[in-house]
């Protein structure tokens, strides 16, 4: 997950993590844990959809924030 990108979207929209957590019906602490990737659970699909709708994000924006490619080109070359 691209934490900085998500935080920038929140800030650019004049919002706070606390108000976004409230919109997603989770506690600010749970939001913080998901944002910092603590524990086993990240943002759920419904939570991601809430973020997408709240900030009018595109599918590409969602991909950049939540599904950044952690596989290096070196790793992908192993497939024939």
PDB file of N, CA and C in Angstrom:
ATOM      1  N   UNK A   1       0.836  -1.177   0.000  1.00  0.00           N
ATOM      2  CA  UNK A   1       0.000   0.000   0.000  1.00  0.00           C
ATOM      3  C   UNK A   1       0.883   1.242   0.000  1.00  0.00           C
ATOM      4  N   UNK A   2       0.448   2.259  -0.718  1.00  0.00           N
ATOM      5  CA  UNK A   2       1.175   3.514  -0.780  1.00  0.00           C
ATOM      6  C   UNK A   2       0.559   4.471   0.248  1.00  0.00           C
ATOM      7  N   UNK A   3       1.074   4.389   1.465  1.00  0.00           N
ATOM      8  CA  UNK A   3       0.558   5.174   2.582  1.00  0.00           C
ATOM      9  C   UNK A   3       0.618   6.671   2.299  1.00  0.00           C
ATOM     10  N   UNK A   4       1.732   7.138   1.763  1.00  0.00           N
ATOM     11  CA  UNK A   4       1.904   8.567   1.518  1.00  0.00           C
ATOM     12  C   UNK A   4       0.892   9.091   0.499  1.00  0.00           C
ATOM     13  N   UNK A   5       0.599   8.298  -0.522  1.00  0.00           N
ATOM     14  CA  UNK A   5      -0.385   8.695  -1.531  1.00  0.00           C
ATOM     15  C   UNK A   5      -1.769   8.820  -0.895  1.00  0.00           C
ATOM     16  N   UNK A   6      -2.137   7.857  -0.070  1.00  0.00           N
ATOM     17  CA  UNK A   6      -3.439   7.918   0.592  1.00  0.00           C
ATOM     18  C   UNK A   6      -3.515   9.137   1.504  1.00  0.00           C
ATOM     19  N   UNK A   7      -2.474   9.370   2.283  1.00  0.00           N
ATOM     20  CA  UNK A   7      -2.464  10.529   3.168  1.00  0.00           C
ATOM     21  C   UNK A   7      -2.550  11.834   2.384  1.00  0.00           C
ATOM     22  N   UNK A   8      -1.895  11.885   1.236  1.00  0.00           N
ATOM     23  CA  UNK A   8      -1.948  13.105   0.430  1.00  0.00           C
ATOM     24  C   UNK A   8      -3.355  13.329  -0.131  1.00  0.00           C
ATOM     25  N   UNK A   9      -4.026  12.258  -0.542  1.00  0.00           N
ATOM     26  CA  UNK A   9      -5.402  12.378  -1.042  1.00  0.00           C
ATOM     27  C   UNK A   9      -6.311  12.891   0.078  1.00  0.00           C
ATOM     28  N   UNK A  10      -6.154  12.345   1.263  1.00  0.00           N
ATOM     29  CA  UNK A  10      -6.965  12.777   2.408  1.00  0.00           C
ATOM     30  C   UNK A  10      -6.737  14.262   2.674  1.00  0.00           C
ATOM     31  N   UNK A  11      -5.473  14.665   2.735  1.00  0.00           N
ATOM     32  CA  UNK A  11      -5.116  16.056   3.028  1.00  0.00           C
ATOM     33  C   UNK A  11      -5.568  17.006   1.926  1.00  0.00           C
ATOM     34  N   UNK A  12      -5.336  16.633   0.664  1.00  0.00           N
ATOM     35  CA  UNK A  12      -5.729  17.492  -0.459  1.00  0.00           C
ATOM     36  C   UNK A  12      -7.230  17.737  -0.515  1.00  0.00           C
ATOM     37  N   UNK A  13      -7.994  16.817   0.080  1.00  0.00           N
ATOM     38  CA  UNK A  13      -9.445  16.971   0.126  1.00  0.00           C
ATOM     39  C   UNK A  13      -9.922  17.642   1.411  1.00  0.00           C
ATOM     40  N   UNK A  14      -8.980  18.181   2.188  1.00  0.00           N
ATOM     41  CA  UNK A  14      -9.334  18.880   3.416  1.00  0.00           C
ATOM     42  C   UNK A  14      -9.953  17.983   4.465  1.00  0.00           C
ATOM     43  N   UNK A  15      -9.576  16.729   4.431  1.00  0.00           N
ATOM     44  CA  UNK A  15     -10.163  15.729   5.324  1.00  0.00           C
ATOM     45  C   UNK A  15      -9.131  15.291   6.356  1.00  0.00           C
ATOM     46  N   UNK A  16      -9.561  14.448   7.284  1.00  0.00           N
ATOM     47  CA  UNK A  16      -8.663  13.879   8.291  1.00  0.00           C
ATOM     48  C   UNK A  16      -8.851  12.366   8.338  1.00  0.00           C
ATOM     49  N   UNK A  17      -7.854  11.709   8.865  1.00  0.00           N
ATOM     50  CA  UNK A  17      -7.953  10.253   9.036  1.00  0.00           C
ATOM     51  C   UNK A  17      -9.099   9.903   9.978  1.00  0.00           C
ATOM     52  N   UNK A  18      -9.308  10.734  10.981  1.00  0.00           N
ATOM     53  CA  UNK A  18     -10.369  10.483  11.950  1.00  0.00           C
ATOM     54  C   UNK A  18     -11.751  10.544  11.296  1.00  0.00           C
ATOM     55  N   UNK A  19     -11.976  11.547  10.454  1.00  0.00           N
ATOM     56  CA  UNK A  19     -13.294  11.646   9.815  1.00  0.00           C
ATOM     57  C   UNK A  19     -13.497  10.542   8.781  1.00  0.00           C
ATOM     58  N   UNK A  20     -12.410  10.144   8.109  1.00  0.00           N
ATOM     59  CA  UNK A  20     -12.510   9.031   7.168  1.00  0.00           C
ATOM     60  C   UNK A  20     -12.804   7.732   7.907  1.00  0.00           C
ATOM     61  N   UNK A  21     -12.148   7.530   9.041  1.00  0.00           N
ATOM     62  CA  UNK A  21     -12.419   6.334   9.856  1.00  0.00           C
ATOM     63  C   UNK A  21     -13.889   6.293  10.262  1.00  0.00           C
ATOM     64  N   UNK A  22     -14.416   7.433  10.669  1.00  0.00           N
ATOM     65  CA  UNK A  22     -15.832   7.499  11.064  1.00  0.00           C
ATOM     66  C   UNK A  22     -16.731   7.133   9.884  1.00  0.00           C
ATOM     67  N   UNK A  23     -16.411   7.650   8.700  1.00  0.00           N
ATOM     68  CA  UNK A  23     -17.188   7.336   7.486  1.00  0.00           C
ATOM     69  C   UNK A  23     -17.166   5.839   7.188  1.00  0.00           C
ATOM     70  N   UNK A  24     -16.038   5.182   7.493  1.00  0.00           N
ATOM     71  CA  UNK A  24     -15.899   3.748   7.235  1.00  0.00           C
ATOM     72  C   UNK A  24     -16.408   2.898   8.397  1.00  0.00           C
ATOM     73  N   UNK A  25     -16.908   3.551   9.439  1.00  0.00           N
ATOM     74  CA  UNK A  25     -17.433   2.869  10.633  1.00  0.00           C
ATOM     75  C   UNK A  25     -16.377   2.022  11.335  1.00  0.00           C
ATOM     76  N   UNK A  26     -15.160   2.575  11.395  1.00  0.00           N
ATOM     77  CA  UNK A  26     -14.094   1.927  12.158  1.00  0.00           C
ATOM     78  C   UNK A  26     -13.498   2.970  13.100  1.00  0.00           C
ATOM     79  N   UNK A  27     -12.784   2.513  14.112  1.00  0.00           N
ATOM     80  CA  UNK A  27     -12.176   3.444  15.053  1.00  0.00           C
ATOM     81  C   UNK A  27     -10.933   4.076  14.428  1.00  0.00           C
ATOM     82  N   UNK A  28     -10.549   5.250  14.913  1.00  0.00           N
ATOM     83  CA  UNK A  28      -9.309   5.853  14.425  1.00  0.00           C
ATOM     84  C   UNK A  28      -8.099   4.935  14.633  1.00  0.00           C
ATOM     85  N   UNK A  29      -8.083   4.169  15.717  1.00  0.00           N
ATOM     86  CA  UNK A  29      -6.968   3.251  15.969  1.00  0.00           C
ATOM     87  C   UNK A  29      -6.939   2.134  14.926  1.00  0.00           C
ATOM     88  N   UNK A  30      -8.103   1.600  14.590  1.00  0.00           N
ATOM     89  CA  UNK A  30      -8.171   0.566  13.551  1.00  0.00           C
ATOM     90  C   UNK A  30      -7.719   1.138  12.214  1.00  0.00           C
ATOM     91  N   UNK A  31      -8.144   2.364  11.908  1.00  0.00           N
ATOM     92  CA  UNK A  31      -7.713   3.016  10.669  1.00  0.00           C
ATOM     93  C   UNK A  31      -6.193   3.157  10.654  1.00  0.00           C
ATOM     94  N   UNK A  32      -5.632   3.611  11.759  1.00  0.00           N
ATOM     95  CA  UNK A  32      -4.183   3.779  11.865  1.00  0.00           C
ATOM     96  C   UNK A  32      -3.458   2.452  11.663  1.00  0.00           C
ATOM     97  N   UNK A  33      -3.970   1.397  12.260  1.00  0.00           N
ATOM     98  CA  UNK A  33      -3.348   0.077  12.093  1.00  0.00           C
ATOM     99  C   UNK A  33      -3.370  -0.366  10.633  1.00  0.00           C
ATOM    100  N   UNK A  34      -4.479  -0.132   9.957  1.00  0.00           N
ATOM    101  CA  UNK A  34      -4.581  -0.508   8.544  1.00  0.00           C
ATOM    102  C   UNK A  34      -3.652   0.361   7.697  1.00  0.00           C
ATOM    103  N   UNK A  35      -3.608   1.649   7.992  1.00  0.00           N
ATOM    104  CA  UNK A  35      -2.759   2.574   7.258  1.00  0.00           C
ATOM    105  C   UNK A  35      -1.288   2.213   7.405  1.00  0.00           C
ATOM    106  N   UNK A  36      -0.901   1.813   8.605  1.00  0.00           N
ATOM    107  CA  UNK A  36       0.487   1.466   8.892  1.00  0.00           C
ATOM    108  C   UNK A  36       0.794  -0.010   8.685  1.00  0.00           C
ATOM    109  N   UNK A  37      -0.213  -0.737   8.160  1.00  0.00           N
ATOM    110  CA  UNK A  37      -0.083  -2.157   7.843  1.00  0.00           C
ATOM    111  C   UNK A  37       0.375  -2.982   9.049  1.00  0.00           C
ATOM    112  N   UNK A  38      -0.243  -2.660  10.202  1.00  0.00           N
ATOM    113  CA  UNK A  38       0.016  -3.432  11.420  1.00  0.00           C
ATOM    114  C   UNK A  38      -1.051  -4.507  11.528  1.00  0.00           C
ATOM    115  N   UNK A  39      -0.662  -5.692  11.876  1.00  0.00           N
ATOM    116  CA  UNK A  39      -1.620  -6.780  11.966  1.00  0.00           C
ATOM    117  C   UNK A  39      -1.791  -7.454  10.618  1.00  0.00           C
ATOM    118  N   UNK A  40      -2.746  -8.348  10.562  1.00  0.00           N
ATOM    119  CA  UNK A  40      -2.933  -9.176   9.370  1.00  0.00           C
ATOM    120  C   UNK A  40      -3.921  -8.589   8.375  1.00  0.00           C
ATOM    121  N   UNK A  41      -4.754  -7.675   8.801  1.00  0.00           N
ATOM    122  CA  UNK A  41      -5.813  -7.177   7.920  1.00  0.00           C
ATOM    123  C   UNK A  41      -5.517  -5.771   7.435  1.00  0.00           C
ATOM    124  N   UNK A  42      -5.648  -5.599   6.137  1.00  0.00           N
ATOM    125  CA  UNK A  42      -5.556  -4.277   5.548  1.00  0.00           C
ATOM    126  C   UNK A  42      -6.957  -3.740   5.333  1.00  0.00           C
ATOM    127  N   UNK A  43      -7.070  -2.755   4.469  1.00  0.00           N
ATOM    128  CA  UNK A  43      -8.381  -2.201   4.151  1.00  0.00           C
ATOM    129  C   UNK A  43      -9.195  -3.233   3.379  1.00  0.00           C
ATOM    130  N   UNK A  44     -10.465  -3.341   3.741  1.00  0.00           N
ATOM    131  CA  UNK A  44     -11.363  -4.282   3.073  1.00  0.00           C
ATOM    132  C   UNK A  44     -11.865  -3.662   1.772  1.00  0.00           C
ATOM    133  N   UNK A  45     -12.452  -4.484   0.942  1.00  0.00           N
ATOM    134  CA  UNK A  45     -13.006  -3.983  -0.318  1.00  0.00           C
ATOM    135  C   UNK A  45     -14.077  -2.905  -0.083  1.00  0.00           C
ATOM    136  N   UNK A  46     -15.021  -3.108   0.852  1.00  0.00           N
ATOM    137  CA  UNK A  46     -15.992  -2.033   1.102  1.00  0.00           C
ATOM    138  C   UNK A  46     -15.333  -0.736   1.597  1.00  0.00           C
ATOM    139  N   UNK A  47     -14.279  -0.857   2.404  1.00  0.00           N
ATOM    140  CA  UNK A  47     -13.569   0.339   2.877  1.00  0.00           C
ATOM    141  C   UNK A  47     -12.871   1.055   1.722  1.00  0.00           C
ATOM    142  N   UNK A  48     -12.267   0.293   0.833  1.00  0.00           N
ATOM    143  CA  UNK A  48     -11.613   0.886  -0.344  1.00  0.00           C
ATOM    144  C   UNK A  48     -12.653   1.580  -1.218  1.00  0.00           C
ATOM    145  N   UNK A  49     -13.814   0.982  -1.371  1.00  0.00           N
ATOM    146  CA  UNK A  49     -14.880   1.604  -2.164  1.00  0.00           C
ATOM    147  C   UNK A  49     -15.359   2.910  -1.516  1.00  0.00           C
ATOM    148  N   UNK A  50     -15.416   2.940  -0.195  1.00  0.00           N
ATOM    149  CA  UNK A  50     -15.784   4.165   0.512  1.00  0.00           C
ATOM    150  C   UNK A  50     -14.772   5.268   0.216  1.00  0.00           C
ATOM    151  N   UNK A  51     -13.494   4.915   0.256  1.00  0.00           N
ATOM    152  CA  UNK A  51     -12.432   5.881  -0.036  1.00  0.00           C
ATOM    153  C   UNK A  51     -12.538   6.342  -1.486  1.00  0.00           C
ATOM    154  N   UNK A  52     -12.771   5.415  -2.391  1.00  0.00           N
ATOM    155  CA  UNK A  52     -12.886   5.750  -3.813  1.00  0.00           C
ATOM    156  C   UNK A  52     -14.022   6.747  -4.048  1.00  0.00           C
ATOM    157  N   UNK A  53     -15.175   6.479  -3.455  1.00  0.00           N
ATOM    158  CA  UNK A  53     -16.333   7.349  -3.649  1.00  0.00           C
ATOM    159  C   UNK A  53     -16.151   8.697  -2.959  1.00  0.00           C
ATOM    160  N   UNK A  54     -15.619   8.675  -1.744  1.00  0.00           N
ATOM    161  CA  UNK A  54     -15.467   9.908  -0.963  1.00  0.00           C
ATOM    162  C   UNK A  54     -14.568  10.913  -1.669  1.00  0.00           C
ATOM    163  N   UNK A  55     -13.510  10.410  -2.301  1.00  0.00           N
ATOM    164  CA  UNK A  55     -12.536  11.305  -2.929  1.00  0.00           C
ATOM    165  C   UNK A  55     -12.596  11.277  -4.453  1.00  0.00           C
ATOM    166  N   UNK A  56     -13.612  10.616  -5.001  1.00  0.00           N
ATOM    167  CA  UNK A  56     -13.806  10.535  -6.457  1.00  0.00           C
ATOM    168  C   UNK A  56     -12.536  10.052  -7.163  1.00  0.00           C
ATOM    169  N   UNK A  57     -11.989   8.948  -6.673  1.00  0.00           N
ATOM    170  CA  UNK A  57     -10.759   8.388  -7.229  1.00  0.00           C
ATOM    171  C   UNK A  57     -11.058   7.498  -8.430  1.00  0.00           C
ATOM    172  N   UNK A  58     -10.099   7.424  -9.311  1.00  0.00           N
ATOM    173  CA  UNK A  58     -10.216   6.540 -10.469  1.00  0.00           C
ATOM    174  C   UNK A  58      -9.725   5.144 -10.087  1.00  0.00           C
ATOM    175  N   UNK A  59      -9.986   4.204 -10.963  1.00  0.00           N
ATOM    176  CA  UNK A  59      -9.479   2.845 -10.756  1.00  0.00           C
ATOM    177  C   UNK A  59      -7.950   2.858 -10.705  1.00  0.00           C
ATOM    178  N   UNK A  60      -7.329   3.695 -11.545  1.00  0.00           N
ATOM    179  CA  UNK A  60      -5.863   3.808 -11.520  1.00  0.00           C
ATOM    180  C   UNK A  60      -5.372   4.356 -10.183  1.00  0.00           C
ATOM    181  N   UNK A  61      -6.080   5.341  -9.636  1.00  0.00           N
ATOM    182  CA  UNK A  61      -5.709   5.884  -8.325  1.00  0.00           C
ATOM    183  C   UNK A  61      -5.750   4.786  -7.264  1.00  0.00           C
ATOM    184  N   UNK A  62      -6.806   3.986  -7.299  1.00  0.00           N
ATOM    185  CA  UNK A  62      -6.956   2.895  -6.328  1.00  0.00           C
ATOM    186  C   UNK A  62      -5.818   1.889  -6.486  1.00  0.00           C
ATOM    187  N   UNK A  63      -5.491   1.564  -7.727  1.00  0.00           N
ATOM    188  CA  UNK A  63      -4.375   0.639  -7.970  1.00  0.00           C
ATOM    189  C   UNK A  63      -3.080   1.181  -7.399  1.00  0.00           C
ATOM    190  N   UNK A  64      -2.820   2.463  -7.619  1.00  0.00           N
ATOM    191  CA  UNK A  64      -1.583   3.077  -7.136  1.00  0.00           C
ATOM    192  C   UNK A  64      -1.529   3.075  -5.609  1.00  0.00           C
ATOM    193  N   UNK A  65      -2.647   3.378  -4.976  1.00  0.00           N
ATOM    194  CA  UNK A  65      -2.667   3.457  -3.514  1.00  0.00           C
ATOM    195  C   UNK A  65      -2.638   2.077  -2.862  1.00  0.00           C
ATOM    196  N   UNK A  66      -3.481   1.182  -3.323  1.00  0.00           N
ATOM    197  CA  UNK A  66      -3.680  -0.072  -2.589  1.00  0.00           C
ATOM    198  C   UNK A  66      -3.002  -1.297  -3.195  1.00  0.00           C
ATOM    199  N   UNK A  67      -2.673  -1.235  -4.457  1.00  0.00           N
ATOM    200  CA  UNK A  67      -2.160  -2.436  -5.116  1.00  0.00           C
ATOM    201  C   UNK A  67      -0.848  -2.171  -5.843  1.00  0.00           C
ATOM    202  N   UNK A  68       0.047  -1.410  -5.183  1.00  0.00           N
ATOM    203  CA  UNK A  68       1.313  -1.127  -5.845  1.00  0.00           C
ATOM    204  C   UNK A  68       2.091  -2.413  -6.059  1.00  0.00           C
ATOM    205  N   UNK A  69       2.807  -2.456  -7.150  1.00  0.00           N
ATOM    206  CA  UNK A  69       3.532  -3.654  -7.565  1.00  0.00           C
ATOM    207  C   UNK A  69       4.801  -3.799  -6.740  1.00  0.00           C
ATOM    208  N   UNK A  70       4.849  -4.835  -5.900  1.00  0.00           N
ATOM    209  CA  UNK A  70       6.034  -5.078  -5.078  1.00  0.00           C
ATOM    210  C   UNK A  70       6.947  -6.126  -5.693  1.00  0.00           C
ATOM    211  N   UNK A  71       6.566  -6.647  -6.847  1.00  0.00           N
ATOM    212  CA  UNK A  71       7.378  -7.663  -7.511  1.00  0.00           C
ATOM    213  C   UNK A  71       8.374  -6.955  -8.417  1.00  0.00           C
ATOM    214  N   UNK A  72       9.642  -7.270  -8.256  1.00  0.00           N
ATOM    215  CA  UNK A  72      10.654  -6.623  -9.084  1.00  0.00           C
ATOM    216  C   UNK A  72      10.687  -7.248 -10.471  1.00  0.00           C
ATOM    217  N   UNK A  73      11.258  -6.524 -11.421  1.00  0.00           N
ATOM    218  CA  UNK A  73      11.378  -7.051 -12.775  1.00  0.00           C
ATOM    219  C   UNK A  73      12.226  -8.317 -12.776  1.00  0.00           C
ATOM    220  N   UNK A  74      13.218  -8.364 -11.921  1.00  0.00           N
ATOM    221  CA  UNK A  74      14.067  -9.541 -11.808  1.00  0.00           C
ATOM    222  C   UNK A  74      13.231 -10.770 -11.476  1.00  0.00           C
ATOM    223  N   UNK A  75      12.281 -10.613 -10.549  1.00  0.00           N
ATOM    224  CA  UNK A  75      11.423 -11.726 -10.143  1.00  0.00           C
ATOM    225  C   UNK A  75      10.513 -12.186 -11.274  1.00  0.00           C
ATOM    226  N   UNK A  76      10.040 -11.251 -12.089  1.00  0.00           N
ATOM    227  CA  UNK A  76       9.121 -11.629 -13.153  1.00  0.00           C
ATOM    228  C   UNK A  76       9.833 -12.324 -14.305  1.00  0.00           C
ATOM    229  N   UNK A  77      11.137 -12.166 -14.388  1.00  0.00           N
ATOM    230  CA  UNK A  77      11.890 -12.816 -15.447  1.00  0.00           C
ATOM    231  C   UNK A  77      12.032 -14.317 -15.243  1.00  0.00           C
ATOM    232  N   UNK A  78      11.656 -14.791 -14.061  1.00  0.00           N
ATOM    233  CA  UNK A  78      11.749 -16.225 -13.775  1.00  0.00           C
ATOM    234  C   UNK A  78      10.649 -17.031 -14.423  1.00  0.00           C
ATOM    235  N   UNK A  79       9.642 -16.368 -14.972  1.00  0.00           N
ATOM    236  CA  UNK A  79       8.537 -17.057 -15.613  1.00  0.00           C
ATOM    237  C   UNK A  79       8.815 -17.208 -17.094  1.00  0.00           C
ATOM    238  N   UNK A  80       8.685 -18.425 -17.605  1.00  0.00           N
ATOM    239  CA  UNK A  80       8.934 -18.640 -19.033  1.00  0.00           C
ATOM    240  C   UNK A  80       7.675 -19.116 -19.711  1.00  0.00           C
TER     241      UNK A  80
END
